[in-house]
Amino acid sequence: MLAKCGAEGMEIDQCDVDTAFLYGKMEEEIYMELPEGLRELLDLAEAEGEDDVVCMLLQSLYGLKQASRVWNETIDKHLKSMGFEPADADPCVYTRGEGEGECIVCLYVDDMLIAS
């Protein structure tokens, strides 16, 4: 990609998506115990005296084994909705347009190279 962009005089920008894993929506139900220091929320949840109170996650969190997959599905849908298509040889490289209007996005987890 870098060789192609250099040969064609394309500009390249790099970006990092802050808190990327928090953008993904969970499709399966995952429950977690309340973290230390949040037991005072039991009063708000009207579960006084309960030791087995859990929270259902609505969004992905860092540290979940599903977090990377959920983020990748989220960014994949977003790029496709903008007209980008993944390359056959590498599904982490997306392209849109041709010639002067070509745009290339390379993904690596939450880091991107964007060339146009």
PDB file of N, CA and C in Angstrom:
ATOM      1  N   MET A   1       0.826  -1.182   0.000  1.00  0.00           N
ATOM      2  CA  MET A   1       0.000   0.000   0.000  1.00  0.00           C
ATOM      3  C   MET A   1       0.874   1.250   0.000  1.00  0.00           C
ATOM      4  N   LEU A   2       1.895   1.279   0.849  1.00  0.00           N
ATOM      5  CA  LEU A   2       2.765   2.452   0.910  1.00  0.00           C
ATOM      6  C   LEU A   2       3.492   2.683  -0.409  1.00  0.00           C
ATOM      7  N   ALA A   3       3.937   1.599  -1.054  1.00  0.00           N
ATOM      8  CA  ALA A   3       4.617   1.725  -2.344  1.00  0.00           C
ATOM      9  C   ALA A   3       3.665   2.284  -3.394  1.00  0.00           C
ATOM     10  N   LYS A   4       2.443   1.780  -3.440  1.00  0.00           N
ATOM     11  CA  LYS A   4       1.437   2.258  -4.394  1.00  0.00           C
ATOM     12  C   LYS A   4       1.137   3.734  -4.157  1.00  0.00           C
ATOM     13  N   CYS A   5       0.955   4.100  -2.903  1.00  0.00           N
ATOM     14  CA  CYS A   5       0.639   5.493  -2.576  1.00  0.00           C
ATOM     15  C   CYS A   5       1.798   6.423  -2.925  1.00  0.00           C
ATOM     16  N   GLY A   6       3.021   5.980  -2.662  1.00  0.00           N
ATOM     17  CA  GLY A   6       4.189   6.787  -3.007  1.00  0.00           C
ATOM     18  C   GLY A   6       4.340   6.951  -4.504  1.00  0.00           C
ATOM     19  N   ALA A   7       4.134   5.863  -5.244  1.00  0.00           N
ATOM     20  CA  ALA A   7       4.271   5.904  -6.698  1.00  0.00           C
ATOM     21  C   ALA A   7       3.213   6.795  -7.338  1.00  0.00           C
ATOM     22  N   GLU A   8       2.019   6.846  -6.739  1.00  0.00           N
ATOM     23  CA  GLU A   8       0.928   7.629  -7.313  1.00  0.00           C
ATOM     24  C   GLU A   8       0.789   9.009  -6.682  1.00  0.00           C
ATOM     25  N   GLY A   9       1.701   9.349  -5.759  1.00  0.00           N
ATOM     26  CA  GLY A   9       1.671  10.677  -5.146  1.00  0.00           C
ATOM     27  C   GLY A   9       0.479  10.915  -4.235  1.00  0.00           C
ATOM     28  N   MET A  10      -0.020   9.870  -3.630  1.00  0.00           N
ATOM     29  CA  MET A  10      -1.172   9.999  -2.735  1.00  0.00           C
ATOM     30  C   MET A  10      -0.717  10.515  -1.367  1.00  0.00           C
ATOM     31  N   GLU A  11      -1.587  11.251  -0.693  1.00  0.00           N
ATOM     32  CA  GLU A  11      -1.318  11.696   0.674  1.00  0.00           C
ATOM     33  C   GLU A  11      -1.798  10.622   1.638  1.00  0.00           C
ATOM     34  N   ILE A  12      -1.042  10.416   2.727  1.00  0.00           N
ATOM     35  CA  ILE A  12      -1.384   9.393   3.713  1.00  0.00           C
ATOM     36  C   ILE A  12      -1.491  10.046   5.084  1.00  0.00           C
ATOM     37  N   ASP A  13      -2.562   9.736   5.782  1.00  0.00           N
ATOM     38  CA  ASP A  13      -2.744  10.167   7.166  1.00  0.00           C
ATOM     39  C   ASP A  13      -2.912   8.936   8.036  1.00  0.00           C
ATOM     40  N   GLN A  14      -2.485   9.061   9.284  1.00  0.00           N
ATOM     41  CA  GLN A  14      -2.616   7.970  10.253  1.00  0.00           C
ATOM     42  C   GLN A  14      -3.545   8.443  11.351  1.00  0.00           C
ATOM     43  N   CYS A  15      -4.390   7.542  11.852  1.00  0.00           N
ATOM     44  CA  CYS A  15      -5.239   7.897  12.987  1.00  0.00           C
ATOM     45  C   CYS A  15      -5.429   6.693  13.900  1.00  0.00           C
ATOM     46  N   ASP A  16      -5.747   6.999  15.128  1.00  0.00           N
ATOM     47  CA  ASP A  16      -6.026   6.000  16.143  1.00  0.00           C
ATOM     48  C   ASP A  16      -7.415   6.311  16.688  1.00  0.00           C
ATOM     49  N   VAL A  17      -8.290   5.324  16.721  1.00  0.00           N
ATOM     50  CA  VAL A  17      -9.644   5.529  17.222  1.00  0.00           C
ATOM     51  C   VAL A  17      -9.608   5.405  18.742  1.00  0.00           C
ATOM     52  N   ASP A  18      -9.837   6.517  19.439  1.00  0.00           N
ATOM     53  CA  ASP A  18      -9.850   6.498  20.900  1.00  0.00           C
ATOM     54  C   ASP A  18     -11.015   5.652  21.400  1.00  0.00           C
ATOM     55  N   THR A  19     -10.769   4.857  22.390  1.00  0.00           N
ATOM     56  CA  THR A  19     -11.770   3.979  23.021  1.00  0.00           C
ATOM     57  C   THR A  19     -12.585   3.204  21.987  1.00  0.00           C
ATOM     58  N   ALA A  20     -11.906   2.671  20.991  1.00  0.00           N
ATOM     59  CA  ALA A  20     -12.570   1.992  19.873  1.00  0.00           C
ATOM     60  C   ALA A  20     -13.495   0.871  20.332  1.00  0.00           C
ATOM     61  N   PHE A  21     -13.056   0.081  21.293  1.00  0.00           N
ATOM     62  CA  PHE A  21     -13.846  -1.082  21.691  1.00  0.00           C
ATOM     63  C   PHE A  21     -15.165  -0.688  22.341  1.00  0.00           C
ATOM     64  N   LEU A  22     -15.295   0.551  22.781  1.00  0.00           N
ATOM     65  CA  LEU A  22     -16.537   0.987  23.414  1.00  0.00           C
ATOM     66  C   LEU A  22     -17.620   1.328  22.395  1.00  0.00           C
ATOM     67  N   TYR A  23     -17.273   1.398  21.114  1.00  0.00           N
ATOM     68  CA  TYR A  23     -18.256   1.728  20.083  1.00  0.00           C
ATOM     69  C   TYR A  23     -19.085   0.528  19.646  1.00  0.00           C
ATOM     70  N   GLY A  24     -18.618  -0.666  19.923  1.00  0.00           N
ATOM     71  CA  GLY A  24     -19.318  -1.859  19.469  1.00  0.00           C
ATOM     72  C   GLY A  24     -20.508  -2.215  20.335  1.00  0.00           C
ATOM     73  N   LYS A  25     -21.593  -2.631  19.715  1.00  0.00           N
ATOM     74  CA  LYS A  25     -22.797  -3.070  20.424  1.00  0.00           C
ATOM     75  C   LYS A  25     -22.764  -4.588  20.559  1.00  0.00           C
ATOM     76  N   MET A  26     -23.032  -5.064  21.754  1.00  0.00           N
ATOM     77  CA  MET A  26     -23.020  -6.502  22.017  1.00  0.00           C
ATOM     78  C   MET A  26     -24.262  -7.156  21.417  1.00  0.00           C
ATOM     79  N   GLU A  27     -24.093  -8.306  20.787  1.00  0.00           N
ATOM     80  CA  GLU A  27     -25.220  -9.050  20.237  1.00  0.00           C
ATOM     81  C   GLU A  27     -25.676 -10.151  21.178  1.00  0.00           C
ATOM     82  N   GLU A  28     -24.757 -10.655  22.005  1.00  0.00           N
ATOM     83  CA  GLU A  28     -25.134 -11.688  22.959  1.00  0.00           C
ATOM     84  C   GLU A  28     -25.232 -11.068  24.349  1.00  0.00           C
ATOM     85  N   GLU A  29     -25.918 -11.760  25.240  1.00  0.00           N
ATOM     86  CA  GLU A  29     -26.051 -11.269  26.605  1.00  0.00           C
ATOM     87  C   GLU A  29     -24.832 -11.675  27.417  1.00  0.00           C
ATOM     88  N   ILE A  30     -24.172 -10.685  27.999  1.00  0.00           N
ATOM     89  CA  ILE A  30     -23.022 -10.927  28.866  1.00  0.00           C
ATOM     90  C   ILE A  30     -23.280 -10.180  30.165  1.00  0.00           C
ATOM     91  N   TYR A  31     -23.098 -10.878  31.262  1.00  0.00           N
ATOM     92  CA  TYR A  31     -23.311 -10.292  32.576  1.00  0.00           C
ATOM     93  C   TYR A  31     -21.992 -10.228  33.326  1.00  0.00           C
ATOM     94  N   MET A  32     -21.851  -9.221  34.183  1.00  0.00           N
ATOM     95  CA  MET A  32     -20.640  -9.105  34.997  1.00  0.00           C
ATOM     96  C   MET A  32     -21.022  -8.671  36.404  1.00  0.00           C
ATOM     97  N   GLU A  33     -20.195  -9.057  37.361  1.00  0.00           N
ATOM     98  CA  GLU A  33     -20.401  -8.601  38.725  1.00  0.00           C
ATOM     99  C   GLU A  33     -20.034  -7.129  38.816  1.00  0.00           C
ATOM    100  N   LEU A  34     -20.643  -6.443  39.776  1.00  0.00           N
ATOM    101  CA  LEU A  34     -20.295  -5.039  39.976  1.00  0.00           C
ATOM    102  C   LEU A  34     -18.843  -4.931  40.408  1.00  0.00           C
ATOM    103  N   PRO A  35     -18.090  -4.014  39.821  1.00  0.00           N
ATOM    104  CA  PRO A  35     -16.691  -3.837  40.224  1.00  0.00           C
ATOM    105  C   PRO A  35     -16.587  -3.327  41.664  1.00  0.00           C
ATOM    106  N   GLU A  36     -15.406  -3.523  42.251  1.00  0.00           N
ATOM    107  CA  GLU A  36     -15.149  -3.012  43.597  1.00  0.00           C
ATOM    108  C   GLU A  36     -15.445  -1.513  43.637  1.00  0.00           C
ATOM    109  N   GLY A  37     -16.001  -1.060  44.726  1.00  0.00           N
ATOM    110  CA  GLY A  37     -16.282   0.360  44.878  1.00  0.00           C
ATOM    111  C   GLY A  37     -17.642   0.781  44.353  1.00  0.00           C
ATOM    112  N   LEU A  38     -18.334  -0.113  43.669  1.00  0.00           N
ATOM    113  CA  LEU A  38     -19.648   0.244  43.131  1.00  0.00           C
ATOM    114  C   LEU A  38     -20.788  -0.438  43.875  1.00  0.00           C
ATOM    115  N   ARG A  39     -20.482  -1.056  44.984  1.00  0.00           N
ATOM    116  CA  ARG A  39     -21.529  -1.737  45.748  1.00  0.00           C
ATOM    117  C   ARG A  39     -22.590  -0.770  46.247  1.00  0.00           C
ATOM    118  N   GLU A  40     -22.235   0.525  46.395  1.00  0.00           N
ATOM    119  CA  GLU A  40     -23.229   1.498  46.846  1.00  0.00           C
ATOM    120  C   GLU A  40     -24.356   1.649  45.823  1.00  0.00           C
ATOM    121  N   LEU A  41     -24.136   1.203  44.594  1.00  0.00           N
ATOM    122  CA  LEU A  41     -25.196   1.240  43.580  1.00  0.00           C
ATOM    123  C   LEU A  41     -26.295   0.229  43.867  1.00  0.00           C
ATOM    124  N   LEU A  42     -26.021  -0.705  44.768  1.00  0.00           N
ATOM    125  CA  LEU A  42     -27.049  -1.681  45.129  1.00  0.00           C
ATOM    126  C   LEU A  42     -28.281  -0.986  45.682  1.00  0.00           C
ATOM    127  N   ASP A  43     -28.081   0.106  46.403  1.00  0.00           N
ATOM    128  CA  ASP A  43     -29.220   0.857  46.930  1.00  0.00           C
ATOM    129  C   ASP A  43     -30.075   1.391  45.787  1.00  0.00           C
ATOM    130  N   LEU A  44     -29.419   1.873  44.743  1.00  0.00           N
ATOM    131  CA  LEU A  44     -30.151   2.395  43.589  1.00  0.00           C
ATOM    132  C   LEU A  44     -30.870   1.283  42.833  1.00  0.00           C
ATOM    133  N   ALA A  45     -30.290   0.094  42.852  1.00  0.00           N
ATOM    134  CA  ALA A  45     -30.885  -1.033  42.140  1.00  0.00           C
ATOM    135  C   ALA A  45     -31.914  -1.758  42.999  1.00  0.00           C
ATOM    136  N   GLU A  46     -32.171  -1.249  44.197  1.00  0.00           N
ATOM    137  CA  GLU A  46     -33.126  -1.852  45.126  1.00  0.00           C
ATOM    138  C   GLU A  46     -32.829  -3.315  45.358  1.00  0.00           C
ATOM    139  N   ALA A  47     -31.554  -3.621  45.541  1.00  0.00           N
ATOM    140  CA  ALA A  47     -31.140  -5.008  45.761  1.00  0.00           C
ATOM    141  C   ALA A  47     -30.328  -5.112  47.047  1.00  0.00           C
ATOM    142  N   GLU A  48     -30.751  -4.416  48.068  1.00  0.00           N
ATOM    143  CA  GLU A  48     -30.016  -4.401  49.324  1.00  0.00           C
ATOM    144  C   GLU A  48     -29.871  -5.810  49.870  1.00  0.00           C
ATOM    145  N   GLY A  49     -28.660  -6.114  50.292  1.00  0.00           N
ATOM    146  CA  GLY A  49     -28.408  -7.411  50.901  1.00  0.00           C
ATOM    147  C   GLY A  49     -28.176  -8.532  49.913  1.00  0.00           C
ATOM    148  N   GLU A  50     -28.301  -8.264  48.640  1.00  0.00           N
ATOM    149  CA  GLU A  50     -28.083  -9.291  47.627  1.00  0.00           C
ATOM    150  C   GLU A  50     -26.596  -9.368  47.308  1.00  0.00           C
ATOM    151  N   ASP A  51     -26.045 -10.572  47.301  1.00  0.00           N
ATOM    152  CA  ASP A  51     -24.628 -10.740  46.985  1.00  0.00           C
ATOM    153  C   ASP A  51     -24.390 -11.085  45.522  1.00  0.00           C
ATOM    154  N   ASP A  52     -25.430 -11.480  44.825  1.00  0.00           N
ATOM    155  CA  ASP A  52     -25.251 -11.957  43.455  1.00  0.00           C
ATOM    156  C   ASP A  52     -25.808 -10.986  42.414  1.00  0.00           C
ATOM    157  N   VAL A  53     -25.735  -9.695  42.696  1.00  0.00           N
ATOM    158  CA  VAL A  53     -26.218  -8.699  41.747  1.00  0.00           C
ATOM    159  C   VAL A  53     -25.203  -8.576  40.614  1.00  0.00           C
ATOM    160  N   VAL A  54     -25.705  -8.586  39.381  1.00  0.00           N
ATOM    161  CA  VAL A  54     -24.852  -8.474  38.206  1.00  0.00           C
ATOM    162  C   VAL A  54     -25.392  -7.391  37.281  1.00  0.00           C
ATOM    163  N   CYS A  55     -24.560  -6.958  36.360  1.00  0.00           N
ATOM    164  CA  CYS A  55     -24.949  -5.976  35.347  1.00  0.00           C
ATOM    165  C   CYS A  55     -24.913  -6.646  33.983  1.00  0.00           C
ATOM    166  N   MET A  56     -25.889  -6.326  33.137  1.00  0.00           N
ATOM    167  CA  MET A  56     -25.857  -6.810  31.760  1.00  0.00           C
ATOM    168  C   MET A  56     -25.160  -5.750  30.907  1.00  0.00           C
ATOM    169  N   LEU A  57     -24.151  -6.165  30.157  1.00  0.00           N
ATOM    170  CA  LEU A  57     -23.414  -5.240  29.305  1.00  0.00           C
ATOM    171  C   LEU A  57     -24.212  -4.943  28.040  1.00  0.00           C
ATOM    172  N   LEU A  58     -24.329  -3.678  27.712  1.00  0.00           N
ATOM    173  CA  LEU A  58     -24.990  -3.267  26.476  1.00  0.00           C
ATOM    174  C   LEU A  58     -23.969  -2.954  25.391  1.00  0.00           C
ATOM    175  N   GLN A  59     -22.769  -2.566  25.807  1.00  0.00           N
ATOM    176  CA  GLN A  59     -21.694  -2.255  24.878  1.00  0.00           C
ATOM    177  C   GLN A  59     -20.460  -3.054  25.252  1.00  0.00           C
ATOM    178  N   SER A  60     -19.584  -3.194  24.288  1.00  0.00           N
ATOM    179  CA  SER A  60     -18.344  -3.926  24.502  1.00  0.00           C
ATOM    180  C   SER A  60     -17.430  -3.153  25.449  1.00  0.00           C
ATOM    181  N   LEU A  61     -16.576  -3.879  26.151  1.00  0.00           N
ATOM    182  CA  LEU A  61     -15.598  -3.285  27.056  1.00  0.00           C
ATOM    183  C   LEU A  61     -14.217  -3.817  26.736  1.00  0.00           C
ATOM    184  N   TYR A  62     -13.200  -3.029  27.040  1.00  0.00           N
ATOM    185  CA  TYR A  62     -11.832  -3.522  26.919  1.00  0.00           C
ATOM    186  C   TYR A  62     -11.672  -4.719  27.844  1.00  0.00           C
ATOM    187  N   GLY A  63     -10.967  -5.732  27.382  1.00  0.00           N
ATOM    188  CA  GLY A  63     -10.716  -6.913  28.192  1.00  0.00           C
ATOM    189  C   GLY A  63     -11.641  -8.074  27.881  1.00  0.00           C
ATOM    190  N   LEU A  64     -12.761  -7.822  27.219  1.00  0.00           N
ATOM    191  CA  LEU A  64     -13.647  -8.918  26.824  1.00  0.00           C
ATOM    192  C   LEU A  64     -13.035  -9.639  25.635  1.00  0.00           C
ATOM    193  N   LYS A  65     -13.185 -10.951  25.614  1.00  0.00           N
ATOM    194  CA  LYS A  65     -12.623 -11.684  24.481  1.00  0.00           C
ATOM    195  C   LYS A  65     -13.350 -11.350  23.181  1.00  0.00           C
ATOM    196  N   GLN A  66     -14.577 -10.864  23.271  1.00  0.00           N
ATOM    197  CA  GLN A  66     -15.356 -10.501  22.088  1.00  0.00           C
ATOM    198  C   GLN A  66     -15.077  -9.079  21.602  1.00  0.00           C
ATOM    199  N   ALA A  67     -14.368  -8.277  22.379  1.00  0.00           N
ATOM    200  CA  ALA A  67     -14.232  -6.847  22.096  1.00  0.00           C
ATOM    201  C   ALA A  67     -13.628  -6.561  20.720  1.00  0.00           C
ATOM    202  N   SER A  68     -12.570  -7.249  20.355  1.00  0.00           N
ATOM    203  CA  SER A  68     -11.931  -6.998  19.051  1.00  0.00           C
ATOM    204  C   SER A  68     -12.853  -7.349  17.899  1.00  0.00           C
ATOM    205  N   ARG A  69     -13.543  -8.478  18.020  1.00  0.00           N
ATOM    206  CA  ARG A  69     -14.455  -8.898  16.955  1.00  0.00           C
ATOM    207  C   ARG A  69     -15.608  -7.911  16.805  1.00  0.00           C
ATOM    208  N   VAL A  70     -16.183  -7.487  17.922  1.00  0.00           N
ATOM    209  CA  VAL A  70     -17.307  -6.548  17.883  1.00  0.00           C
ATOM    210  C   VAL A  70     -16.869  -5.222  17.260  1.00  0.00           C
ATOM    211  N   TRP A  71     -15.685  -4.724  17.628  1.00  0.00           N
ATOM    212  CA  TRP A  71     -15.169  -3.485  17.037  1.00  0.00           C
ATOM    213  C   TRP A  71     -14.954  -3.652  15.540  1.00  0.00           C
ATOM    214  N   ASN A  72     -14.358  -4.780  15.123  1.00  0.00           N
ATOM    215  CA  ASN A  72     -14.097  -5.002  13.707  1.00  0.00           C
ATOM    216  C   ASN A  72     -15.398  -5.052  12.914  1.00  0.00           C
ATOM    217  N   GLU A  73     -16.415  -5.702  13.448  1.00  0.00           N
ATOM    218  CA  GLU A  73     -17.713  -5.740  12.765  1.00  0.00           C
ATOM    219  C   GLU A  73     -18.309  -4.340  12.661  1.00  0.00           C
ATOM    220  N   THR A  74     -18.138  -3.539  13.704  1.00  0.00           N
ATOM    221  CA  THR A  74     -18.681  -2.179  13.719  1.00  0.00           C
ATOM    222  C   THR A  74     -18.012  -1.303  12.666  1.00  0.00           C
ATOM    223  N   ILE A  75     -16.683  -1.299  12.619  1.00  0.00           N
ATOM    224  CA  ILE A  75     -15.975  -0.452  11.651  1.00  0.00           C
ATOM    225  C   ILE A  75     -16.178  -0.977  10.229  1.00  0.00           C
ATOM    226  N   ASP A  76     -16.283  -2.296  10.065  1.00  0.00           N
ATOM    227  CA  ASP A  76     -16.537  -2.888   8.751  1.00  0.00           C
ATOM    228  C   ASP A  76     -17.878  -2.404   8.199  1.00  0.00           C
ATOM    229  N   LYS A  77     -18.929  -2.441   9.014  1.00  0.00           N
ATOM    230  CA  LYS A  77     -20.250  -1.967   8.578  1.00  0.00           C
ATOM    231  C   LYS A  77     -20.207  -0.482   8.233  1.00  0.00           C
ATOM    232  N   HIS A  78     -19.500   0.288   9.041  1.00  0.00           N
ATOM    233  CA  HIS A  78     -19.427   1.732   8.805  1.00  0.00           C
ATOM    234  C   HIS A  78     -18.710   2.046   7.492  1.00  0.00           C
ATOM    235  N   LEU A  79     -17.571   1.406   7.260  1.00  0.00           N
ATOM    236  CA  LEU A  79     -16.834   1.658   6.016  1.00  0.00           C
ATOM    237  C   LEU A  79     -17.641   1.216   4.797  1.00  0.00           C
ATOM    238  N   LYS A  80     -18.305   0.063   4.885  1.00  0.00           N
ATOM    239  CA  LYS A  80     -19.130  -0.403   3.763  1.00  0.00           C
ATOM    240  C   LYS A  80     -20.288   0.551   3.501  1.00  0.00           C
ATOM    241  N   SER A  81     -20.866   1.139   4.562  1.00  0.00           N
ATOM    242  CA  SER A  81     -21.968   2.087   4.372  1.00  0.00           C
ATOM    243  C   SER A  81     -21.492   3.360   3.669  1.00  0.00           C
ATOM    244  N   MET A  82     -20.183   3.635   3.738  1.00  0.00           N
ATOM    245  CA  MET A  82     -19.605   4.796   3.058  1.00  0.00           C
ATOM    246  C   MET A  82     -19.127   4.456   1.650  1.00  0.00           C
ATOM    247  N   GLY A  83     -19.368   3.223   1.193  1.00  0.00           N
ATOM    248  CA  GLY A  83     -19.006   2.833  -0.164  1.00  0.00           C
ATOM    249  C   GLY A  83     -17.667   2.150  -0.303  1.00  0.00           C
ATOM    250  N   PHE A  84     -16.986   1.866   0.785  1.00  0.00           N
ATOM    251  CA  PHE A  84     -15.706   1.155   0.729  1.00  0.00           C
ATOM    252  C   PHE A  84     -15.950  -0.341   0.596  1.00  0.00           C
ATOM    253  N   GLU A  85     -15.052  -1.003  -0.119  1.00  0.00           N
ATOM    254  CA  GLU A  85     -15.114  -2.455  -0.292  1.00  0.00           C
ATOM    255  C   GLU A  85     -13.814  -3.072   0.197  1.00  0.00           C
ATOM    256  N   PRO A  86     -13.889  -4.173   0.966  1.00  0.00           N
ATOM    257  CA  PRO A  86     -12.651  -4.833   1.405  1.00  0.00           C
ATOM    258  C   PRO A  86     -11.962  -5.522   0.229  1.00  0.00           C
ATOM    259  N   ALA A  87     -10.643  -5.517   0.245  1.00  0.00           N
ATOM    260  CA  ALA A  87      -9.872  -6.177  -0.813  1.00  0.00           C
ATOM    261  C   ALA A  87      -9.979  -7.686  -0.661  1.00  0.00           C
ATOM    262  N   ASP A  88      -9.967  -8.394  -1.784  1.00  0.00           N
ATOM    263  CA  ASP A  88     -10.026  -9.857  -1.745  1.00  0.00           C
ATOM    264  C   ASP A  88      -8.785 -10.439  -1.074  1.00  0.00           C
ATOM    265  N   ALA A  89      -7.631  -9.848  -1.328  1.00  0.00           N
ATOM    266  CA  ALA A  89      -6.370 -10.375  -0.798  1.00  0.00           C
ATOM    267  C   ALA A  89      -6.188 -10.072   0.684  1.00  0.00           C
ATOM    268  N   ASP A  90      -6.779  -8.981   1.179  1.00  0.00           N
ATOM    269  CA  ASP A  90      -6.624  -8.591   2.578  1.00  0.00           C
ATOM    270  C   ASP A  90      -7.890  -7.871   3.039  1.00  0.00           C
ATOM    271  N   PRO A  91      -8.707  -8.518   3.876  1.00  0.00           N
ATOM    272  CA  PRO A  91      -9.974  -7.909   4.293  1.00  0.00           C
ATOM    273  C   PRO A  91      -9.814  -6.694   5.206  1.00  0.00           C
ATOM    274  N   CYS A  92      -8.585  -6.349   5.576  1.00  0.00           N
ATOM    275  CA  CYS A  92      -8.344  -5.158   6.399  1.00  0.00           C
ATOM    276  C   CYS A  92      -7.985  -3.945   5.550  1.00  0.00           C
ATOM    277  N   VAL A  93      -7.964  -4.110   4.237  1.00  0.00           N
ATOM    278  CA  VAL A  93      -7.690  -3.006   3.310  1.00  0.00           C
ATOM    279  C   VAL A  93      -8.979  -2.724   2.543  1.00  0.00           C
ATOM    280  N   TYR A  94      -9.455  -1.495   2.648  1.00  0.00           N
ATOM    281  CA  TYR A  94     -10.704  -1.087   1.999  1.00  0.00           C
ATOM    282  C   TYR A  94     -10.392  -0.030   0.951  1.00  0.00           C
ATOM    283  N   THR A  95     -11.086  -0.102  -0.178  1.00  0.00           N
ATOM    284  CA  THR A  95     -10.881   0.884  -1.239  1.00  0.00           C
ATOM    285  C   THR A  95     -12.217   1.444  -1.701  1.00  0.00           C
ATOM    286  N   ARG A  96     -12.151   2.677  -2.239  1.00  0.00           N
ATOM    287  CA  ARG A  96     -13.330   3.314  -2.826  1.00  0.00           C
ATOM    288  C   ARG A  96     -12.846   4.222  -3.934  1.00  0.00           C
ATOM    289  N   GLY A  97     -13.497   4.148  -5.068  1.00  0.00           N
ATOM    290  CA  GLY A  97     -13.154   5.001  -6.197  1.00  0.00           C
ATOM    291  C   GLY A  97     -11.954   4.486  -6.972  1.00  0.00           C
ATOM    292  N   GLU A  98     -11.612   5.222  -8.038  1.00  0.00           N
ATOM    293  CA  GLU A  98     -10.478   4.866  -8.897  1.00  0.00           C
ATOM    294  C   GLU A  98      -9.766   6.131  -9.333  1.00  0.00           C
ATOM    295  N   GLY A  99      -8.542   5.954  -9.766  1.00  0.00           N
ATOM    296  CA  GLY A  99      -7.770   7.081 -10.308  1.00  0.00           C
ATOM    297  C   GLY A  99      -7.566   8.190  -9.290  1.00  0.00           C
ATOM    298  N   GLU A 100      -7.815   9.441  -9.724  1.00  0.00           N
ATOM    299  CA  GLU A 100      -7.617  10.609  -8.849  1.00  0.00           C
ATOM    300  C   GLU A 100      -8.523  10.577  -7.620  1.00  0.00           C
ATOM    301  N   GLY A 101      -9.685   9.945  -7.726  1.00  0.00           N
ATOM    302  CA  GLY A 101     -10.638   9.919  -6.615  1.00  0.00           C
ATOM    303  C   GLY A 101     -10.521   8.707  -5.717  1.00  0.00           C
ATOM    304  N   GLU A 102      -9.458   7.903  -5.912  1.00  0.00           N
ATOM    305  CA  GLU A 102      -9.318   6.681  -5.119  1.00  0.00           C
ATOM    306  C   GLU A 102      -8.973   7.008  -3.665  1.00  0.00           C
ATOM    307  N   CYS A 103      -9.571   6.253  -2.761  1.00  0.00           N
ATOM    308  CA  CYS A 103      -9.289   6.376  -1.335  1.00  0.00           C
ATOM    309  C   CYS A 103      -9.058   4.971  -0.787  1.00  0.00           C
ATOM    310  N   ILE A 104      -8.015   4.809   0.017  1.00  0.00           N
ATOM    311  CA  ILE A 104      -7.657   3.509   0.587  1.00  0.00           C
ATOM    312  C   ILE A 104      -7.599   3.648   2.101  1.00  0.00           C
ATOM    313  N   VAL A 105      -8.207   2.701   2.808  1.00  0.00           N
ATOM    314  CA  VAL A 105      -8.152   2.661   4.271  1.00  0.00           C
ATOM    315  C   VAL A 105      -7.578   1.318   4.680  1.00  0.00           C
ATOM    316  N   CYS A 106      -6.511   1.342   5.472  1.00  0.00           N
ATOM    317  CA  CYS A 106      -5.911   0.118   6.021  1.00  0.00           C
ATOM    318  C   CYS A 106      -6.165   0.101   7.519  1.00  0.00           C
ATOM    319  N   LEU A 107      -6.700  -1.013   8.012  1.00  0.00           N
ATOM    320  CA  LEU A 107      -7.011  -1.146   9.433  1.00  0.00           C
ATOM    321  C   LEU A 107      -6.047  -2.096  10.117  1.00  0.00           C
ATOM    322  N   TYR A 108      -5.693  -1.765  11.338  1.00  0.00           N
ATOM    323  CA  TYR A 108      -5.005  -2.698  12.227  1.00  0.00           C
ATOM    324  C   TYR A 108      -5.555  -2.424  13.621  1.00  0.00           C
ATOM    325  N   VAL A 109      -6.470  -3.257  14.052  1.00  0.00           N
ATOM    326  CA  VAL A 109      -7.213  -3.117  15.306  1.00  0.00           C
ATOM    327  C   VAL A 109      -7.870  -1.740  15.331  1.00  0.00           C
ATOM    328  N   ASP A 110      -7.364  -0.779  16.111  1.00  0.00           N
ATOM    329  CA  ASP A 110      -7.982   0.544  16.165  1.00  0.00           C
ATOM    330  C   ASP A 110      -7.114   1.628  15.520  1.00  0.00           C
ATOM    331  N   ASP A 111      -6.128   1.207  14.740  1.00  0.00           N
ATOM    332  CA  ASP A 111      -5.268   2.140  14.009  1.00  0.00           C
ATOM    333  C   ASP A 111      -5.617   2.095  12.525  1.00  0.00           C
ATOM    334  N   MET A 112      -5.529   3.237  11.859  1.00  0.00           N
ATOM    335  CA  MET A 112      -5.859   3.313  10.436  1.00  0.00           C
ATOM    336  C   MET A 112      -4.838   4.142   9.685  1.00  0.00           C
ATOM    337  N   LEU A 113      -4.582   3.732   8.453  1.00  0.00           N
ATOM    338  CA  LEU A 113      -3.888   4.554   7.470  1.00  0.00           C
ATOM    339  C   LEU A 113      -4.923   4.906   6.417  1.00  0.00           C
ATOM    340  N   ILE A 114      -5.028   6.176   6.089  1.00  0.00           N
ATOM    341  CA  ILE A 114      -6.003   6.634   5.104  1.00  0.00           C
ATOM    342  C   ILE A 114      -5.233   7.353   4.009  1.00  0.00           C
ATOM    343  N   ALA A 115      -5.371   6.872   2.786  1.00  0.00           N
ATOM    344  CA  ALA A 115      -4.646   7.449   1.655  1.00  0.00           C
ATOM    345  C   ALA A 115      -5.626   7.920   0.597  1.00  0.00           C
ATOM    346  N   SER A 116      -5.324   9.080   0.015  1.00  0.00           N
ATOM    347  CA  SER A 116      -6.143   9.579  -1.101  1.00  0.00           C
ATOM    348  C   SER A 116      -5.302  10.476  -1.990  1.00  0.00           C
TER     349      SER A 116
END
